[in-house]
PDB file of N, CA and C in Angstrom:
ATOM      1  N   ASN A   1     -34.746 -54.024  79.622  1.00  0.00           N
ATOM      2  CA  ASN A   1     -35.065 -53.083  78.561  1.00  0.00           C
ATOM      3  C   ASN A   1     -33.788 -52.303  78.222  1.00  0.00           C
ATOM      4  N   HIS A   2     -33.618 -52.058  76.959  1.00  0.00           N
ATOM      5  CA  HIS A   2     -32.402 -51.412  76.465  1.00  0.00           C
ATOM      6  C   HIS A   2     -32.266 -49.984  76.985  1.00  0.00           C
ATOM      7  N   GLU A   3     -33.346 -49.225  76.969  1.00  0.00           N
ATOM      8  CA  GLU A   3     -33.284 -47.834  77.432  1.00  0.00           C
ATOM      9  C   GLU A   3     -32.877 -47.765  78.897  1.00  0.00           C
ATOM     10  N   GLU A   4     -33.366 -48.687  79.695  1.00  0.00           N
ATOM     11  CA  GLU A   4     -33.010 -48.706  81.108  1.00  0.00           C
ATOM     12  C   GLU A   4     -31.529 -49.025  81.287  1.00  0.00           C
ATOM     13  N   GLU A   5     -31.011 -49.939  80.464  1.00  0.00           N
ATOM     14  CA  GLU A   5     -29.591 -50.273  80.540  1.00  0.00           C
ATOM     15  C   GLU A   5     -28.733 -49.060  80.186  1.00  0.00           C
ATOM     16  N   VAL A   6     -29.143 -48.359  79.118  1.00  0.00           N
ATOM     17  CA  VAL A   6     -28.385 -47.177  78.683  1.00  0.00           C
ATOM     18  C   VAL A   6     -28.412 -46.128  79.780  1.00  0.00           C
ATOM     19  N   LYS A   7     -29.582 -45.867  80.356  1.00  0.00           N
ATOM     20  CA  LYS A   7     -29.684 -44.874  81.427  1.00  0.00           C
ATOM     21  C   LYS A   7     -28.861 -45.297  82.634  1.00  0.00           C
ATOM     22  N   GLY A   8     -28.890 -46.585  82.929  1.00  0.00           N
ATOM     23  CA  GLY A   8     -28.107 -47.097  84.051  1.00  0.00           C
ATOM     24  C   GLY A   8     -26.612 -46.895  83.818  1.00  0.00           C
ATOM     25  N   LEU A   9     -26.145 -47.166  82.610  1.00  0.00           N
ATOM     26  CA  LEU A   9     -24.731 -46.969  82.281  1.00  0.00           C
ATOM     27  C   LEU A   9     -24.368 -45.486  82.314  1.00  0.00           C
ATOM     28  N   GLN A  10     -25.275 -44.644  81.810  1.00  0.00           N
ATOM     29  CA  GLN A  10     -25.019 -43.200  81.842  1.00  0.00           C
ATOM     30  C   GLN A  10     -24.900 -42.716  83.285  1.00  0.00           C
ATOM     31  N   ASN A  11     -25.750 -43.220  84.163  1.00  0.00           N
ATOM     32  CA  ASN A  11     -25.684 -42.842  85.575  1.00  0.00           C
ATOM     33  C   ASN A  11     -24.382 -43.319  86.207  1.00  0.00           C
ATOM     34  N   GLN A  12     -23.951 -44.530  85.866  1.00  0.00           N
ATOM     35  CA  GLN A  12     -22.694 -45.042  86.407  1.00  0.00           C
ATOM     36  C   GLN A  12     -21.522 -44.159  85.978  1.00  0.00           C
ATOM     37  N   ILE A  13     -21.533 -43.769  84.701  1.00  0.00           N
ATOM     38  CA  ILE A  13     -20.456 -42.917  84.193  1.00  0.00           C
ATOM     39  C   ILE A  13     -20.499 -41.561  84.883  1.00  0.00           C
ATOM     40  N   ALA A  14     -21.694 -40.994  85.014  1.00  0.00           N
ATOM     41  CA  ALA A  14     -21.835 -39.683  85.644  1.00  0.00           C
ATOM     42  C   ALA A  14     -21.390 -39.728  87.099  1.00  0.00           C
ATOM     43  N   ASN A  15     -21.665 -40.807  87.789  1.00  0.00           N
ATOM     44  CA  ASN A  15     -21.318 -40.921  89.202  1.00  0.00           C
ATOM     45  C   ASN A  15     -19.877 -41.381  89.432  1.00  0.00           C
ATOM     46  N   SER A  16     -19.205 -41.839  88.397  1.00  0.00           N
ATOM     47  CA  SER A  16     -17.851 -42.370  88.577  1.00  0.00           C
ATOM     48  C   SER A  16     -16.810 -41.266  88.702  1.00  0.00           C
ATOM     49  N   GLY A  17     -17.155 -40.053  88.342  1.00  0.00           N
ATOM     50  CA  GLY A  17     -16.199 -38.953  88.407  1.00  0.00           C
ATOM     51  C   GLY A  17     -15.231 -38.955  87.221  1.00  0.00           C
ATOM     52  N   LEU A  18     -15.541 -39.745  86.215  1.00  0.00           N
ATOM     53  CA  LEU A  18     -14.703 -39.819  85.021  1.00  0.00           C
ATOM     54  C   LEU A  18     -14.818 -38.515  84.239  1.00  0.00           C
ATOM     55  N   THR A  19     -13.675 -37.972  83.915  1.00  0.00           N
ATOM     56  CA  THR A  19     -13.650 -36.736  83.135  1.00  0.00           C
ATOM     57  C   THR A  19     -12.932 -37.014  81.823  1.00  0.00           C
ATOM     58  N   VAL A  20     -13.550 -36.616  80.766  1.00  0.00           N
ATOM     59  CA  VAL A  20     -12.946 -36.794  79.445  1.00  0.00           C
ATOM     60  C   VAL A  20     -12.619 -35.416  78.901  1.00  0.00           C
ATOM     61  N   GLU A  21     -11.354 -35.235  78.542  1.00  0.00           N
ATOM     62  CA  GLU A  21     -10.930 -33.970  77.955  1.00  0.00           C
ATOM     63  C   GLU A  21     -10.360 -34.251  76.577  1.00  0.00           C
ATOM     64  N   LEU A  22     -10.643 -33.384  75.689  1.00  0.00           N
ATOM     65  CA  LEU A  22     -10.122 -33.516  74.337  1.00  0.00           C
ATOM     66  C   LEU A  22      -9.061 -32.458  74.111  1.00  0.00           C
ATOM     67  N   ASP A  23      -7.977 -32.870  73.516  1.00  0.00           N
ATOM     68  CA  ASP A  23      -6.952 -31.911  73.130  1.00  0.00           C
ATOM     69  C   ASP A  23      -7.279 -31.422  71.726  1.00  0.00           C
ATOM     70  N   ALA A  24      -7.910 -30.307  71.677  1.00  0.00           N
ATOM     71  CA  ALA A  24      -8.235 -29.718  70.380  1.00  0.00           C
ATOM     72  C   ALA A  24      -7.014 -28.969  69.877  1.00  0.00           C
ATOM     73  N   PRO A  25      -6.830 -28.970  68.581  1.00  0.00           N
ATOM     74  CA  PRO A  25      -5.684 -28.216  68.060  1.00  0.00           C
ATOM     75  C   PRO A  25      -5.832 -26.740  68.403  1.00  0.00           C
ATOM     76  N   LYS A  26      -4.696 -26.122  68.648  1.00  0.00           N
ATOM     77  CA  LYS A  26      -4.727 -24.701  68.984  1.00  0.00           C
ATOM     78  C   LYS A  26      -5.194 -23.917  67.769  1.00  0.00           C
ATOM     79  N   PRO A  27      -5.981 -22.901  68.000  1.00  0.00           N
ATOM     80  CA  PRO A  27      -6.431 -22.106  66.849  1.00  0.00           C
ATOM     81  C   PRO A  27      -5.233 -21.430  66.193  1.00  0.00           C
ATOM     82  N   GLN A  28      -5.271 -21.364  64.887  1.00  0.00           N
ATOM     83  CA  GLN A  28      -4.159 -20.763  64.161  1.00  0.00           C
ATOM     84  C   GLN A  28      -4.417 -19.276  63.963  1.00  0.00           C
ATOM     85  N   ASP A  29      -3.366 -18.520  64.093  1.00  0.00           N
ATOM     86  CA  ASP A  29      -3.450 -17.079  63.898  1.00  0.00           C
ATOM     87  C   ASP A  29      -3.270 -16.795  62.410  1.00  0.00           C
ATOM     88  N   LEU A  30      -4.392 -16.626  61.713  1.00  0.00           N
ATOM     89  CA  LEU A  30      -4.334 -16.430  60.267  1.00  0.00           C
ATOM     90  C   LEU A  30      -3.632 -15.132  59.897  1.00  0.00           C
ATOM     91  N   SER A  31      -3.731 -14.134  60.741  1.00  0.00           N
ATOM     92  CA  SER A  31      -3.040 -12.870  60.458  1.00  0.00           C
ATOM     93  C   SER A  31      -1.534 -13.086  60.446  1.00  0.00           C
ATOM     94  N   LYS A  32      -1.041 -13.872  61.395  1.00  0.00           N
ATOM     95  CA  LYS A  32       0.398 -14.162  61.446  1.00  0.00           C
ATOM     96  C   LYS A  32       0.814 -14.988  60.238  1.00  0.00           C
ATOM     97  N   ILE A  33       0.005 -15.968  59.877  1.00  0.00           N
ATOM     98  CA  ILE A  33       0.312 -16.802  58.717  1.00  0.00           C
ATOM     99  C   ILE A  33       0.381 -15.940  57.460  1.00  0.00           C
ATOM    100  N   MET A  34      -0.597 -15.047  57.293  1.00  0.00           N
ATOM    101  CA  MET A  34      -0.605 -14.159  56.121  1.00  0.00           C
ATOM    102  C   MET A  34       0.602 -13.225  56.138  1.00  0.00           C
ATOM    103  N   ALA A  35       0.968 -12.730  57.301  1.00  0.00           N
ATOM    104  CA  ALA A  35       2.136 -11.845  57.411  1.00  0.00           C
ATOM    105  C   ALA A  35       3.412 -12.605  57.046  1.00  0.00           C
ATOM    106  N   ASP A  36       3.516 -13.864  57.475  1.00  0.00           N
ATOM    107  CA  ASP A  36       4.684 -14.683  57.132  1.00  0.00           C
ATOM    108  C   ASP A  36       4.763 -14.926  55.626  1.00  0.00           C
ATOM    109  N   ILE A  37       3.626 -15.239  55.031  1.00  0.00           N
ATOM    110  CA  ILE A  37       3.588 -15.463  53.581  1.00  0.00           C
ATOM    111  C   ILE A  37       3.978 -14.190  52.849  1.00  0.00           C
ATOM    112  N   ARG A  38       3.452 -13.066  53.312  1.00  0.00           N
ATOM    113  CA  ARG A  38       3.765 -11.778  52.679  1.00  0.00           C
ATOM    114  C   ARG A  38       5.263 -11.468  52.791  1.00  0.00           C
ATOM    115  N   ALA A  39       5.843 -11.743  53.948  1.00  0.00           N
ATOM    116  CA  ALA A  39       7.275 -11.496  54.145  1.00  0.00           C
ATOM    117  C   ALA A  39       8.103 -12.368  53.200  1.00  0.00           C
ATOM    118  N   GLN A  40       7.717 -13.632  53.053  1.00  0.00           N
ATOM    119  CA  GLN A  40       8.426 -14.521  52.132  1.00  0.00           C
ATOM    120  C   GLN A  40       8.293 -14.018  50.694  1.00  0.00           C
ATOM    121  N   TYR A  41       7.085 -13.590  50.335  1.00  0.00           N
ATOM    122  CA  TYR A  41       6.848 -13.068  48.984  1.00  0.00           C
ATOM    123  C   TYR A  41       7.688 -11.820  48.738  1.00  0.00           C
ATOM    124  N   ASP A  42       7.689 -10.901  49.690  1.00  0.00           N
ATOM    125  CA  ASP A  42       8.462  -9.664  49.539  1.00  0.00           C
ATOM    126  C   ASP A  42       9.953  -9.963  49.400  1.00  0.00           C
ATOM    127  N   GLU A  43      10.441 -10.916  50.178  1.00  0.00           N
ATOM    128  CA  GLU A  43      11.857 -11.292  50.109  1.00  0.00           C
ATOM    129  C   GLU A  43      12.191 -11.873  48.730  1.00  0.00           C
ATOM    130  N   LEU A  44      11.323 -12.743  48.233  1.00  0.00           N
ATOM    131  CA  LEU A  44      11.543 -13.346  46.920  1.00  0.00           C
ATOM    132  C   LEU A  44      11.455 -12.297  45.815  1.00  0.00           C
ATOM    133  N   ALA A  45      10.488 -11.389  45.919  1.00  0.00           N
ATOM    134  CA  ALA A  45      10.347 -10.330  44.919  1.00  0.00           C
ATOM    135  C   ALA A  45      11.584  -9.436  44.904  1.00  0.00           C
ATOM    136  N   GLN A  46      12.102  -9.094  46.071  1.00  0.00           N
ATOM    137  CA  GLN A  46      13.312  -8.261  46.152  1.00  0.00           C
ATOM    138  C   GLN A  46      14.500  -8.985  45.526  1.00  0.00           C
ATOM    139  N   LYS A  47      14.630 -10.274  45.812  1.00  0.00           N
ATOM    140  CA  LYS A  47      15.725 -11.065  45.239  1.00  0.00           C
ATOM    141  C   LYS A  47      15.613 -11.080  43.715  1.00  0.00           C
ATOM    142  N   ASN A  48      14.399 -11.271  43.196  1.00  0.00           N
ATOM    143  CA  ASN A  48      14.199 -11.286  41.746  1.00  0.00           C
ATOM    144  C   ASN A  48      14.525  -9.934  41.125  1.00  0.00           C
ATOM    145  N   ARG A  49      14.127  -8.841  41.790  1.00  0.00           N
ATOM    146  CA  ARG A  49      14.451  -7.502  41.280  1.00  0.00           C
ATOM    147  C   ARG A  49      15.962  -7.305  41.212  1.00  0.00           C
ATOM    148  N   GLU A  50      16.662  -7.730  42.256  1.00  0.00           N
ATOM    149  CA  GLU A  50      18.122  -7.586  42.286  1.00  0.00           C
ATOM    150  C   GLU A  50      18.780  -8.411  41.181  1.00  0.00           C
ATOM    151  N   GLU A  51      18.287  -9.636  40.976  1.00  0.00           N
ATOM    152  CA  GLU A  51      18.851 -10.482  39.925  1.00  0.00           C
ATOM    153  C   GLU A  51      18.604  -9.882  38.547  1.00  0.00           C
ATOM    154  N   LEU A  52      17.395  -9.351  38.322  1.00  0.00           N
ATOM    155  CA  LEU A  52      17.092  -8.721  37.036  1.00  0.00           C
ATOM    156  C   LEU A  52      17.932  -7.474  36.822  1.00  0.00           C
ATOM    157  N   ASP A  53      18.097  -6.688  37.861  1.00  0.00           N
ATOM    158  CA  ASP A  53      18.919  -5.482  37.756  1.00  0.00           C
ATOM    159  C   ASP A  53      20.353  -5.854  37.388  1.00  0.00           C
ATOM    160  N   LYS A  54      20.884  -6.878  38.026  1.00  0.00           N
ATOM    161  CA  LYS A  54      22.246  -7.340  37.729  1.00  0.00           C
ATOM    162  C   LYS A  54      22.330  -7.848  36.291  1.00  0.00           C
ATOM    163  N   TYR A  55      21.343  -8.636  35.878  1.00  0.00           N
ATOM    164  CA  TYR A  55      21.332  -9.193  34.521  1.00  0.00           C
ATOM    165  C   TYR A  55      21.329  -8.080  33.476  1.00  0.00           C
ATOM    166  N   TRP A  56      20.411  -7.119  33.643  1.00  0.00           N
ATOM    167  CA  TRP A  56      20.311  -6.057  32.638  1.00  0.00           C
ATOM    168  C   TRP A  56      21.518  -5.128  32.684  1.00  0.00           C
ATOM    169  N   SER A  57      22.105  -4.937  33.822  1.00  0.00           N
ATOM    170  CA  SER A  57      23.337  -4.140  33.907  1.00  0.00           C
ATOM    171  C   SER A  57      24.455  -4.820  33.118  1.00  0.00           C
ATOM    172  N   GLN A  58      24.551  -6.144  33.243  1.00  0.00           N
ATOM    173  CA  GLN A  58      25.563  -6.890  32.491  1.00  0.00           C
ATOM    174  C   GLN A  58      25.290  -6.809  30.989  1.00  0.00           C
ATOM    175  N   GLN A  59      24.003  -6.911  30.614  1.00  0.00           N
ATOM    176  CA  GLN A  59      23.652  -6.829  29.195  1.00  0.00           C
ATOM    177  C   GLN A  59      24.028  -5.464  28.619  1.00  0.00           C
ATOM    178  N   ILE A  60      23.740  -4.410  29.370  1.00  0.00           N
ATOM    179  CA  ILE A  60      24.068  -3.054  28.913  1.00  0.00           C
ATOM    180  C   ILE A  60      25.579  -2.893  28.803  1.00  0.00           C
ATOM    181  N   GLU A  61      26.304  -3.398  29.790  1.00  0.00           N
ATOM    182  CA  GLU A  61      27.761  -3.292  29.770  1.00  0.00           C
ATOM    183  C   GLU A  61      28.347  -4.030  28.566  1.00  0.00           C
ATOM    184  N   GLU A  62      27.851  -5.241  28.304  1.00  0.00           N
ATOM    185  CA  GLU A  62      28.335  -6.007  27.155  1.00  0.00           C
ATOM    186  C   GLU A  62      28.004  -5.302  25.844  1.00  0.00           C
ATOM    187  N   SER A  63      26.790  -4.775  25.736  1.00  0.00           N
ATOM    188  CA  SER A  63      26.392  -4.064  24.516  1.00  0.00           C
ATOM    189  C   SER A  63      27.236  -2.816  24.320  1.00  0.00           C
ATOM    190  N   THR A  64      27.506  -2.108  25.390  1.00  0.00           N
ATOM    191  CA  THR A  64      28.335  -0.901  25.308  1.00  0.00           C
ATOM    192  C   THR A  64      29.741  -1.257  24.839  1.00  0.00           C
ATOM    193  N   THR A  65      30.275  -2.346  25.341  1.00  0.00           N
ATOM    194  CA  THR A  65      31.610  -2.796  24.933  1.00  0.00           C
ATOM    195  C   THR A  65      31.627  -3.131  23.443  1.00  0.00           C
ATOM    196  N   VAL A  66      30.602  -3.842  22.985  1.00  0.00           N
ATOM    197  CA  VAL A  66      30.519  -4.217  21.567  1.00  0.00           C
ATOM    198  C   VAL A  66      30.398  -2.970  20.700  1.00  0.00           C
ATOM    199  N   VAL A  67      29.516  -2.046  21.080  1.00  0.00           N
ATOM    200  CA  VAL A  67      29.325  -0.815  20.303  1.00  0.00           C
ATOM    201  C   VAL A  67      30.618  -0.009  20.263  1.00  0.00           C
ATOM    202  N   THR A  68      31.295   0.103  21.380  1.00  0.00           N
ATOM    203  CA  THR A  68      32.557   0.857  21.429  1.00  0.00           C
ATOM    204  C   THR A  68      33.595   0.219  20.510  1.00  0.00           C
ATOM    205  N   SER A  69      33.691  -1.098  20.567  1.00  0.00           N
ATOM    206  CA  SER A  69      34.654  -1.816  19.731  1.00  0.00           C
ATOM    207  C   SER A  69      34.321  -1.650  18.253  1.00  0.00           C
ATOM    208  N   GLN A  70      33.053  -1.799  17.921  1.00  0.00           N
ATOM    209  CA  GLN A  70      32.647  -1.672  16.519  1.00  0.00           C
ATOM    210  C   GLN A  70      32.810  -0.242  16.015  1.00  0.00           C
ATOM    211  N   THR A  71      32.563   0.731  16.866  1.00  0.00           N
ATOM    212  CA  THR A  71      32.763   2.130  16.484  1.00  0.00           C
ATOM    213  C   THR A  71      34.234   2.385  16.184  1.00  0.00           C
ATOM    214  N   ALA A  72      35.099   1.825  16.999  1.00  0.00           N
ATOM    215  CA  ALA A  72      36.539   1.979  16.766  1.00  0.00           C
ATOM    216  C   ALA A  72      36.943   1.306  15.460  1.00  0.00           C
ATOM    217  N   GLU A  73      36.390   0.138  15.194  1.00  0.00           N
ATOM    218  CA  GLU A  73      36.699  -0.567  13.951  1.00  0.00           C
ATOM    219  C   GLU A  73      36.208   0.217  12.736  1.00  0.00           C
ATOM    220  N   ILE A  74      35.020   0.795  12.847  1.00  0.00           N
ATOM    221  CA  ILE A  74      34.484   1.613  11.747  1.00  0.00           C
ATOM    222  C   ILE A  74      35.378   2.821  11.519  1.00  0.00           C
ATOM    223  N   GLY A  75      35.798   3.449  12.607  1.00  0.00           N
ATOM    224  CA  GLY A  75      36.700   4.603  12.490  1.00  0.00           C
ATOM    225  C   GLY A  75      38.003   4.212  11.816  1.00  0.00           C
ATOM    226  N   ALA A  76      38.542   3.062  12.177  1.00  0.00           N
ATOM    227  CA  ALA A  76      39.793   2.593  11.571  1.00  0.00           C
ATOM    228  C   ALA A  76      39.584   2.273  10.098  1.00  0.00           C
ATOM    229  N   ALA A  77      38.452   1.678   9.773  1.00  0.00           N
ATOM    230  CA  ALA A  77      38.159   1.349   8.377  1.00  0.00           C
ATOM    231  C   ALA A  77      38.000   2.615   7.549  1.00  0.00           C
ATOM    232  N   GLU A  78      37.357   3.620   8.113  1.00  0.00           N
ATOM    233  CA  GLU A  78      37.193   4.894   7.400  1.00  0.00           C
ATOM    234  C   GLU A  78      38.549   5.544   7.149  1.00  0.00           C
ATOM    235  N   MET A  79      39.431   5.436   8.111  1.00  0.00           N
ATOM    236  CA  MET A  79      40.765   6.030   7.963  1.00  0.00           C
ATOM    237  C   MET A  79      41.540   5.352   6.836  1.00  0.00           C
ATOM    238  N   THR A  80      41.395   4.042   6.716  1.00  0.00           N
ATOM    239  CA  THR A  80      42.126   3.341   5.656  1.00  0.00           C
ATOM    240  C   THR A  80      41.525   3.629   4.288  1.00  0.00           C
ATOM    241  N   LEU A  81      40.238   3.967   4.244  1.00  0.00           N
ATOM    242  CA  LEU A  81      39.593   4.280   2.966  1.00  0.00           C
ATOM    243  C   LEU A  81      39.923   5.687   2.487  1.00  0.00           C
ATOM    244  N   THR A  82      40.250   6.568   3.385  1.00  0.00           N
ATOM    245  CA  THR A  82      40.521   7.953   2.969  1.00  0.00           C
ATOM    246  C   THR A  82      41.967   8.233   2.747  1.00  0.00           C
TER     247      THR A  82
END
């Protein structure tokens, strides 16, 4: 009978001293993962802020140079007209 065979095999396994262990993956620390992601995000955001600050500083400097030059040219043109 099949059930008797299964029970017999189960008894043999139980009496053999065979131990089966599974290596389950270690649980992940989601708090640490979130903290790492946040740190990466903060670092990237800071880098972007610095790049934007540098970009706009250059734009202001270039505009100031152009305005100064054009103001001088206007002043020179006014002098030649008077």
